[in-house]
Amino acid sequence: MIAAQLAVQAGANVYTTASPRNTEFVQSLGKDITIINYREEKWWDMNLTDFDAVIDTTGEEKAWENSSNVLKPDGSFVTIASFDVGFDPNGHPPRKYAAFYCLCNKPSAQDTIAKGLEECTLKIPLVEPAYPFTEQGAKDMLTAQAKGASL
């Protein structure tokens, strides 16, 4: 959600997947976002080409493999949800970057996001429902997440 907003603000053409129930919400993140209904279409089968980057936030099976269909030869692939691509960002030439990425520990990057949230130029990520910070709460959250019905 944050990545899409930052990309739109930087002038990128953003394509993202969403279910029909979330279309209105995703459209509210930026006017230049193209939404792909993942229930009906697969982004790697849509003849999309010459993308600068693919950002995998869901751990979709074969996302790394499928990204080769849409990326420029020197494009970037970043995932926060799958280890399939590995951890060496330079390990897949000619890709500019391709790796699992967990945390950007740069104060300037964190400050950019914090400023956007403070100034309301970035929408705050929604987490529904809230779970207590307990062992049972964590189990309940993971069970709900595994059902794939999160926002």
N, C-alpha and C. Protein backbone atom coordinates (compact mmCIF):
# COMPACT_ATOMS: atom_id res chain seq x y z
N MET A 1 0.82 -1.18 0.00
CA MET A 1 0.00 0.00 0.00
C MET A 1 0.87 1.26 0.00
N ILE A 2 1.86 1.29 0.86
CA ILE A 2 2.77 2.45 0.91
C ILE A 2 3.59 2.52 -0.37
N ALA A 3 4.11 1.37 -0.83
CA ALA A 3 4.93 1.36 -2.04
C ALA A 3 4.16 1.91 -3.23
N ALA A 4 2.90 1.51 -3.38
CA ALA A 4 2.09 2.00 -4.50
C ALA A 4 1.91 3.51 -4.42
N GLN A 5 1.65 4.02 -3.24
CA GLN A 5 1.47 5.46 -3.08
C GLN A 5 2.75 6.23 -3.37
N LEU A 6 3.87 5.73 -2.87
CA LEU A 6 5.15 6.40 -3.12
C LEU A 6 5.50 6.37 -4.61
N ALA A 7 5.20 5.26 -5.27
CA ALA A 7 5.48 5.15 -6.70
C ALA A 7 4.62 6.15 -7.50
N VAL A 8 3.35 6.25 -7.16
CA VAL A 8 2.47 7.20 -7.84
C VAL A 8 2.99 8.63 -7.61
N GLN A 9 3.36 8.95 -6.38
CA GLN A 9 3.87 10.28 -6.08
C GLN A 9 5.16 10.60 -6.81
N ALA A 10 5.93 9.55 -7.15
CA ALA A 10 7.18 9.75 -7.90
C ALA A 10 6.94 9.80 -9.40
N GLY A 11 5.68 9.64 -9.82
CA GLY A 11 5.34 9.74 -11.23
C GLY A 11 5.30 8.42 -11.98
N ALA A 12 5.36 7.31 -11.27
CA ALA A 12 5.33 6.00 -11.93
C ALA A 12 3.92 5.61 -12.33
N ASN A 13 3.83 4.82 -13.38
CA ASN A 13 2.58 4.15 -13.74
C ASN A 13 2.53 2.88 -12.92
N VAL A 14 1.54 2.76 -12.07
CA VAL A 14 1.47 1.64 -11.13
C VAL A 14 0.34 0.69 -11.53
N TYR A 15 0.69 -0.58 -11.59
CA TYR A 15 -0.28 -1.65 -11.78
C TYR A 15 -0.26 -2.46 -10.50
N THR A 16 -1.43 -2.84 -10.02
CA THR A 16 -1.48 -3.66 -8.82
C THR A 16 -2.64 -4.63 -8.92
N THR A 17 -2.54 -5.69 -8.16
CA THR A 17 -3.63 -6.66 -8.10
C THR A 17 -4.51 -6.35 -6.90
N ALA A 18 -5.78 -6.64 -7.06
CA ALA A 18 -6.74 -6.48 -5.97
C ALA A 18 -7.98 -7.28 -6.32
N SER A 19 -8.75 -7.61 -5.30
CA SER A 19 -10.03 -8.26 -5.53
C SER A 19 -11.07 -7.17 -5.79
N PRO A 20 -12.19 -7.54 -6.40
CA PRO A 20 -13.23 -6.54 -6.67
C PRO A 20 -13.71 -5.80 -5.42
N ARG A 21 -13.74 -6.49 -4.29
CA ARG A 21 -14.24 -5.82 -3.07
C ARG A 21 -13.32 -4.70 -2.61
N ASN A 22 -12.05 -4.69 -3.07
CA ASN A 22 -11.10 -3.66 -2.65
C ASN A 22 -10.79 -2.63 -3.73
N THR A 23 -11.48 -2.71 -4.87
CA THR A 23 -11.18 -1.81 -5.98
C THR A 23 -11.29 -0.34 -5.59
N GLU A 24 -12.37 0.03 -4.97
CA GLU A 24 -12.56 1.44 -4.60
C GLU A 24 -11.47 1.92 -3.66
N PHE A 25 -11.12 1.09 -2.69
CA PHE A 25 -10.06 1.47 -1.75
C PHE A 25 -8.73 1.66 -2.48
N VAL A 26 -8.36 0.72 -3.33
CA VAL A 26 -7.09 0.80 -4.05
C VAL A 26 -7.08 2.03 -4.96
N GLN A 27 -8.18 2.32 -5.61
CA GLN A 27 -8.25 3.51 -6.46
C GLN A 27 -8.04 4.79 -5.65
N SER A 28 -8.40 4.76 -4.38
CA SER A 28 -8.22 5.95 -3.54
C SER A 28 -6.75 6.22 -3.21
N LEU A 29 -5.87 5.26 -3.52
CA LEU A 29 -4.45 5.43 -3.23
C LEU A 29 -3.74 6.28 -4.27
N GLY A 30 -4.33 6.44 -5.42
CA GLY A 30 -3.72 7.26 -6.47
C GLY A 30 -4.47 7.13 -7.77
N LYS A 31 -4.64 8.24 -8.46
CA LYS A 31 -5.45 8.23 -9.68
C LYS A 31 -4.79 7.45 -10.81
N ASP A 32 -3.49 7.28 -10.77
CA ASP A 32 -2.78 6.61 -11.85
C ASP A 32 -2.49 5.14 -11.58
N ILE A 33 -3.30 4.50 -10.75
CA ILE A 33 -3.12 3.09 -10.45
C ILE A 33 -4.07 2.26 -11.32
N THR A 34 -3.49 1.31 -12.04
CA THR A 34 -4.28 0.36 -12.82
C THR A 34 -4.47 -0.89 -11.99
N ILE A 35 -5.70 -1.31 -11.82
CA ILE A 35 -6.00 -2.45 -10.97
C ILE A 35 -6.27 -3.68 -11.82
N ILE A 36 -5.62 -4.77 -11.47
CA ILE A 36 -5.82 -6.06 -12.11
C ILE A 36 -6.60 -6.94 -11.13
N ASN A 37 -7.76 -7.39 -11.55
CA ASN A 37 -8.58 -8.26 -10.72
C ASN A 37 -7.93 -9.65 -10.71
N TYR A 38 -7.25 -9.96 -9.62
CA TYR A 38 -6.50 -11.21 -9.58
C TYR A 38 -7.40 -12.45 -9.57
N ARG A 39 -8.67 -12.27 -9.33
CA ARG A 39 -9.59 -13.41 -9.37
C ARG A 39 -9.90 -13.82 -10.81
N GLU A 40 -9.71 -12.90 -11.75
CA GLU A 40 -10.03 -13.16 -13.16
C GLU A 40 -8.81 -13.16 -14.08
N GLU A 41 -7.75 -12.47 -13.69
CA GLU A 41 -6.58 -12.34 -14.57
C GLU A 41 -5.30 -12.58 -13.79
N LYS A 42 -4.30 -13.04 -14.47
CA LYS A 42 -2.96 -13.21 -13.90
C LYS A 42 -2.05 -12.17 -14.54
N TRP A 43 -1.41 -11.35 -13.74
CA TRP A 43 -0.60 -10.25 -14.26
C TRP A 43 0.48 -10.72 -15.22
N TRP A 44 1.01 -11.90 -15.04
CA TRP A 44 2.08 -12.38 -15.90
C TRP A 44 1.57 -12.90 -17.25
N ASP A 45 0.25 -13.05 -17.39
CA ASP A 45 -0.34 -13.53 -18.65
C ASP A 45 -1.03 -12.42 -19.44
N MET A 46 -0.81 -11.17 -19.08
CA MET A 46 -1.58 -10.07 -19.67
C MET A 46 -0.82 -9.30 -20.75
N ASN A 47 0.28 -9.82 -21.24
CA ASN A 47 1.09 -9.14 -22.25
C ASN A 47 1.59 -7.78 -21.76
N LEU A 48 1.83 -7.67 -20.46
CA LEU A 48 2.46 -6.48 -19.90
C LEU A 48 3.96 -6.65 -20.07
N THR A 49 4.64 -5.61 -20.57
CA THR A 49 6.08 -5.73 -20.81
C THR A 49 6.80 -4.44 -20.42
N ASP A 50 8.10 -4.56 -20.33
CA ASP A 50 9.00 -3.42 -20.09
C ASP A 50 8.75 -2.69 -18.78
N PHE A 51 8.38 -3.44 -17.75
CA PHE A 51 8.21 -2.84 -16.42
C PHE A 51 9.57 -2.65 -15.77
N ASP A 52 9.71 -1.57 -15.05
CA ASP A 52 10.96 -1.30 -14.32
C ASP A 52 11.07 -2.16 -13.08
N ALA A 53 9.93 -2.50 -12.47
CA ALA A 53 9.99 -3.25 -11.21
C ALA A 53 8.71 -4.04 -10.99
N VAL A 54 8.87 -5.15 -10.29
CA VAL A 54 7.77 -5.93 -9.76
C VAL A 54 8.02 -6.03 -8.26
N ILE A 55 7.02 -5.67 -7.48
CA ILE A 55 7.12 -5.76 -6.03
C ILE A 55 6.10 -6.78 -5.55
N ASP A 56 6.59 -7.86 -4.98
CA ASP A 56 5.74 -8.95 -4.50
C ASP A 56 5.51 -8.78 -3.01
N THR A 57 4.27 -8.51 -2.64
CA THR A 57 3.94 -8.35 -1.23
C THR A 57 3.06 -9.47 -0.70
N THR A 58 2.76 -10.46 -1.55
CA THR A 58 1.85 -11.52 -1.12
C THR A 58 2.47 -12.91 -1.10
N GLY A 59 3.66 -13.06 -1.67
CA GLY A 59 4.28 -14.38 -1.71
C GLY A 59 3.61 -15.30 -2.72
N GLU A 60 3.08 -14.69 -3.75
CA GLU A 60 2.40 -15.45 -4.78
C GLU A 60 3.35 -16.50 -5.36
N GLU A 61 2.84 -17.71 -5.52
CA GLU A 61 3.66 -18.80 -6.03
C GLU A 61 4.23 -18.44 -7.40
N LYS A 62 5.52 -18.61 -7.56
CA LYS A 62 6.25 -18.37 -8.82
C LYS A 62 6.28 -16.90 -9.22
N ALA A 63 6.12 -15.98 -8.28
CA ALA A 63 6.16 -14.55 -8.62
C ALA A 63 7.51 -14.18 -9.24
N TRP A 64 8.60 -14.67 -8.67
CA TRP A 64 9.93 -14.38 -9.21
C TRP A 64 10.04 -14.90 -10.63
N GLU A 65 9.66 -16.13 -10.83
CA GLU A 65 9.72 -16.74 -12.16
C GLU A 65 8.82 -15.99 -13.15
N ASN A 66 7.62 -15.67 -12.73
CA ASN A 66 6.67 -14.99 -13.61
C ASN A 66 7.06 -13.54 -13.90
N SER A 67 7.85 -12.94 -13.03
CA SER A 67 8.24 -11.54 -13.25
C SER A 67 9.06 -11.38 -14.52
N SER A 68 9.74 -12.44 -14.96
CA SER A 68 10.55 -12.32 -16.17
C SER A 68 9.69 -12.04 -17.40
N ASN A 69 8.40 -12.34 -17.34
CA ASN A 69 7.50 -12.05 -18.45
C ASN A 69 7.20 -10.57 -18.61
N VAL A 70 7.32 -9.80 -17.53
CA VAL A 70 6.90 -8.40 -17.59
C VAL A 70 8.05 -7.40 -17.39
N LEU A 71 9.14 -7.83 -16.81
CA LEU A 71 10.24 -6.90 -16.51
C LEU A 71 11.12 -6.60 -17.71
N LYS A 72 11.67 -5.40 -17.72
CA LYS A 72 12.76 -5.08 -18.63
C LYS A 72 13.93 -5.99 -18.27
N PRO A 73 14.85 -6.25 -19.18
CA PRO A 73 15.99 -7.11 -18.84
C PRO A 73 16.75 -6.65 -17.60
N ASP A 74 16.85 -5.34 -17.40
CA ASP A 74 17.57 -4.83 -16.23
C ASP A 74 16.63 -4.36 -15.12
N GLY A 75 15.39 -4.84 -15.18
CA GLY A 75 14.39 -4.45 -14.18
C GLY A 75 14.70 -5.02 -12.81
N SER A 76 13.90 -4.64 -11.84
CA SER A 76 14.11 -5.06 -10.46
C SER A 76 12.92 -5.88 -9.97
N PHE A 77 13.23 -6.85 -9.11
CA PHE A 77 12.21 -7.67 -8.47
C PHE A 77 12.49 -7.64 -6.97
N VAL A 78 11.48 -7.23 -6.21
CA VAL A 78 11.61 -7.15 -4.76
C VAL A 78 10.45 -7.92 -4.15
N THR A 79 10.74 -8.74 -3.17
CA THR A 79 9.68 -9.44 -2.48
C THR A 79 9.84 -9.27 -0.97
N ILE A 80 8.73 -9.10 -0.30
CA ILE A 80 8.73 -9.07 1.16
C ILE A 80 8.02 -10.30 1.71
N ALA A 81 7.72 -11.25 0.79
CA ALA A 81 6.87 -12.36 1.21
C ALA A 81 7.34 -13.74 0.77
N SER A 82 8.45 -13.83 0.04
CA SER A 82 8.91 -15.13 -0.44
C SER A 82 10.43 -15.15 -0.50
N PHE A 83 11.01 -16.27 -0.15
CA PHE A 83 12.46 -16.40 -0.18
C PHE A 83 12.96 -16.99 -1.50
N ASP A 84 12.07 -17.27 -2.45
CA ASP A 84 12.44 -17.95 -3.69
C ASP A 84 13.56 -17.27 -4.46
N VAL A 85 13.59 -15.95 -4.47
CA VAL A 85 14.58 -15.21 -5.24
C VAL A 85 15.93 -15.14 -4.53
N GLY A 86 15.95 -15.44 -3.25
CA GLY A 86 17.19 -15.38 -2.49
C GLY A 86 17.39 -14.03 -1.82
N PHE A 87 18.60 -13.84 -1.30
CA PHE A 87 18.88 -12.66 -0.48
C PHE A 87 19.96 -11.75 -1.07
N ASP A 88 20.59 -12.15 -2.16
CA ASP A 88 21.64 -11.36 -2.78
C ASP A 88 21.04 -10.50 -3.89
N PRO A 89 20.92 -9.18 -3.67
CA PRO A 89 20.27 -8.33 -4.67
C PRO A 89 20.98 -8.30 -6.01
N ASN A 90 22.25 -8.68 -6.04
CA ASN A 90 23.02 -8.69 -7.29
C ASN A 90 23.17 -10.09 -7.86
N GLY A 91 22.43 -11.04 -7.34
CA GLY A 91 22.61 -12.43 -7.70
C GLY A 91 21.88 -12.90 -8.94
N HIS A 92 21.20 -11.99 -9.65
CA HIS A 92 20.43 -12.40 -10.83
C HIS A 92 20.64 -11.44 -12.00
N PRO A 93 21.89 -11.29 -12.47
CA PRO A 93 22.10 -10.38 -13.59
C PRO A 93 21.33 -10.86 -14.82
N PRO A 94 20.84 -10.00 -15.66
CA PRO A 94 21.11 -8.57 -15.71
C PRO A 94 20.16 -7.73 -14.85
N ARG A 95 19.37 -8.39 -14.01
CA ARG A 95 18.46 -7.63 -13.13
C ARG A 95 19.26 -6.62 -12.30
N LYS A 96 18.69 -5.43 -12.20
CA LYS A 96 19.32 -4.38 -11.39
C LYS A 96 19.29 -4.76 -9.92
N TYR A 97 18.20 -5.40 -9.52
CA TYR A 97 18.00 -5.80 -8.12
C TYR A 97 17.01 -6.94 -8.13
N ALA A 98 17.30 -7.99 -7.39
CA ALA A 98 16.35 -9.09 -7.25
C ALA A 98 16.64 -9.81 -5.95
N ALA A 99 15.77 -9.64 -4.95
CA ALA A 99 16.01 -10.26 -3.66
C ALA A 99 14.81 -10.11 -2.73
N PHE A 100 14.82 -10.95 -1.70
CA PHE A 100 13.91 -10.77 -0.57
C PHE A 100 14.38 -9.53 0.17
N TYR A 101 13.46 -8.70 0.59
CA TYR A 101 13.81 -7.44 1.26
C TYR A 101 12.89 -7.28 2.45
N CYS A 102 13.47 -7.20 3.62
CA CYS A 102 12.65 -7.18 4.83
C CYS A 102 12.49 -5.78 5.41
N LEU A 103 13.58 -5.04 5.50
CA LEU A 103 13.52 -3.77 6.22
C LEU A 103 14.51 -2.79 5.64
N CYS A 104 14.07 -1.59 5.38
CA CYS A 104 14.97 -0.52 4.96
C CYS A 104 15.36 0.24 6.22
N ASN A 105 16.55 0.00 6.67
CA ASN A 105 17.00 0.60 7.92
C ASN A 105 17.75 1.90 7.67
N LYS A 106 17.22 2.70 6.76
CA LYS A 106 17.79 4.01 6.47
C LYS A 106 16.87 5.07 7.07
N PRO A 107 17.38 5.89 7.97
CA PRO A 107 16.53 6.93 8.55
C PRO A 107 15.85 7.81 7.51
N SER A 108 16.53 8.12 6.40
CA SER A 108 15.91 8.99 5.40
C SER A 108 14.68 8.33 4.77
N ALA A 109 14.73 7.02 4.53
CA ALA A 109 13.57 6.32 3.98
C ALA A 109 12.44 6.28 5.00
N GLN A 110 12.78 5.99 6.23
CA GLN A 110 11.77 5.96 7.28
C GLN A 110 11.17 7.35 7.51
N ASP A 111 12.01 8.38 7.43
CA ASP A 111 11.53 9.75 7.59
C ASP A 111 10.56 10.13 6.47
N THR A 112 10.83 9.69 5.25
CA THR A 112 9.95 9.98 4.12
C THR A 112 8.56 9.40 4.38
N ILE A 113 8.51 8.16 4.84
CA ILE A 113 7.23 7.53 5.12
C ILE A 113 6.55 8.21 6.31
N ALA A 114 7.29 8.47 7.38
CA ALA A 114 6.71 9.13 8.55
C ALA A 114 6.16 10.51 8.19
N LYS A 115 6.88 11.26 7.37
CA LYS A 115 6.42 12.58 6.97
C LYS A 115 5.14 12.48 6.14
N GLY A 116 5.10 11.51 5.23
CA GLY A 116 3.91 11.32 4.42
C GLY A 116 2.69 10.96 5.25
N LEU A 117 2.90 10.13 6.27
CA LEU A 117 1.80 9.76 7.16
C LEU A 117 1.37 10.96 8.00
N GLU A 118 2.35 11.71 8.50
CA GLU A 118 2.04 12.88 9.33
C GLU A 118 1.29 13.94 8.54
N GLU A 119 1.71 14.17 7.30
CA GLU A 119 1.10 15.21 6.48
C GLU A 119 -0.12 14.71 5.70
N CYS A 120 -0.48 13.45 5.92
CA CYS A 120 -1.63 12.82 5.26
C CYS A 120 -1.48 12.78 3.74
N THR A 121 -0.25 12.75 3.23
CA THR A 121 -0.04 12.54 1.80
C THR A 121 0.09 11.05 1.51
N LEU A 122 0.20 10.25 2.56
CA LEU A 122 0.16 8.79 2.46
C LEU A 122 -0.98 8.31 3.34
N LYS A 123 -1.74 7.37 2.81
CA LYS A 123 -2.80 6.78 3.62
C LYS A 123 -2.19 5.75 4.55
N ILE A 124 -2.70 5.71 5.74
CA ILE A 124 -2.22 4.78 6.76
C ILE A 124 -2.70 3.38 6.42
N PRO A 125 -1.80 2.41 6.49
CA PRO A 125 -2.22 1.03 6.24
C PRO A 125 -3.31 0.61 7.22
N LEU A 126 -4.31 -0.06 6.68
CA LEU A 126 -5.41 -0.54 7.51
C LEU A 126 -5.16 -1.99 7.89
N VAL A 127 -5.38 -2.29 9.14
CA VAL A 127 -5.26 -3.67 9.60
C VAL A 127 -6.58 -4.00 10.29
N GLU A 128 -7.29 -4.95 9.72
CA GLU A 128 -8.58 -5.32 10.28
C GLU A 128 -8.68 -6.82 10.37
N PRO A 129 -9.19 -7.36 11.37
CA PRO A 129 -9.41 -6.71 12.66
C PRO A 129 -8.11 -6.63 13.44
N ALA A 130 -8.15 -5.99 14.58
CA ALA A 130 -7.00 -5.91 15.48
C ALA A 130 -7.01 -7.16 16.36
N TYR A 131 -5.83 -7.68 16.63
CA TYR A 131 -5.68 -8.86 17.48
C TYR A 131 -4.86 -8.49 18.71
N PRO A 132 -5.17 -9.08 19.86
CA PRO A 132 -4.39 -8.78 21.06
C PRO A 132 -2.96 -9.30 20.91
N PHE A 133 -2.03 -8.63 21.55
CA PHE A 133 -0.62 -9.01 21.49
C PHE A 133 -0.37 -10.13 22.51
N THR A 134 -0.93 -11.28 22.18
CA THR A 134 -0.80 -12.47 23.02
C THR A 134 -0.50 -13.65 22.10
N GLU A 135 -0.15 -14.78 22.69
CA GLU A 135 0.10 -15.96 21.88
C GLU A 135 -1.16 -16.36 21.11
N GLN A 136 -2.31 -16.35 21.79
CA GLN A 136 -3.56 -16.70 21.13
C GLN A 136 -3.91 -15.67 20.06
N GLY A 137 -3.68 -14.40 20.33
CA GLY A 137 -3.94 -13.36 19.34
C GLY A 137 -3.11 -13.56 18.09
N ALA A 138 -1.84 -13.93 18.26
CA ALA A 138 -0.97 -14.19 17.11
C ALA A 138 -1.46 -15.40 16.32
N LYS A 139 -1.88 -16.45 17.01
CA LYS A 139 -2.41 -17.63 16.33
C LYS A 139 -3.67 -17.28 15.54
N ASP A 140 -4.56 -16.50 16.17
CA ASP A 140 -5.79 -16.10 15.50
C ASP A 140 -5.50 -15.26 14.26
N MET A 141 -4.53 -14.36 14.36
CA MET A 141 -4.16 -13.50 13.24
C MET A 141 -3.61 -14.33 12.09
N LEU A 142 -2.73 -15.27 12.39
CA LEU A 142 -2.14 -16.11 11.35
C LEU A 142 -3.19 -17.01 10.69
N THR A 143 -4.15 -17.49 11.47
CA THR A 143 -5.24 -18.29 10.93
C THR A 143 -6.07 -17.47 9.96
N ALA A 144 -6.39 -16.24 10.35
CA ALA A 144 -7.17 -15.35 9.48
C ALA A 144 -6.39 -15.02 8.21
N GLN A 145 -5.10 -14.75 8.36
CA GLN A 145 -4.27 -14.42 7.21
C GLN A 145 -4.20 -15.59 6.23
N ALA A 146 -4.11 -16.80 6.73
CA ALA A 146 -4.02 -17.98 5.87
C ALA A 146 -5.28 -18.18 5.03
N LYS A 147 -6.40 -17.63 5.47
CA LYS A 147 -7.64 -17.74 4.71
C LYS A 147 -7.68 -16.80 3.53
N GLY A 148 -6.73 -15.83 3.50
CA GLY A 148 -6.63 -14.92 2.36
C GLY A 148 -7.74 -13.90 2.27
N ALA A 149 -8.36 -13.59 3.38
CA ALA A 149 -9.48 -12.64 3.34
C ALA A 149 -9.13 -11.31 3.98
N SER A 150 -7.85 -11.01 4.10
CA SER A 150 -7.48 -9.74 4.70
C SER A 150 -7.69 -8.62 3.71
N LEU A 151 -7.73 -7.38 4.20
CA LEU A 151 -7.91 -6.22 3.34
C LEU A 151 -6.72 -6.13 2.46
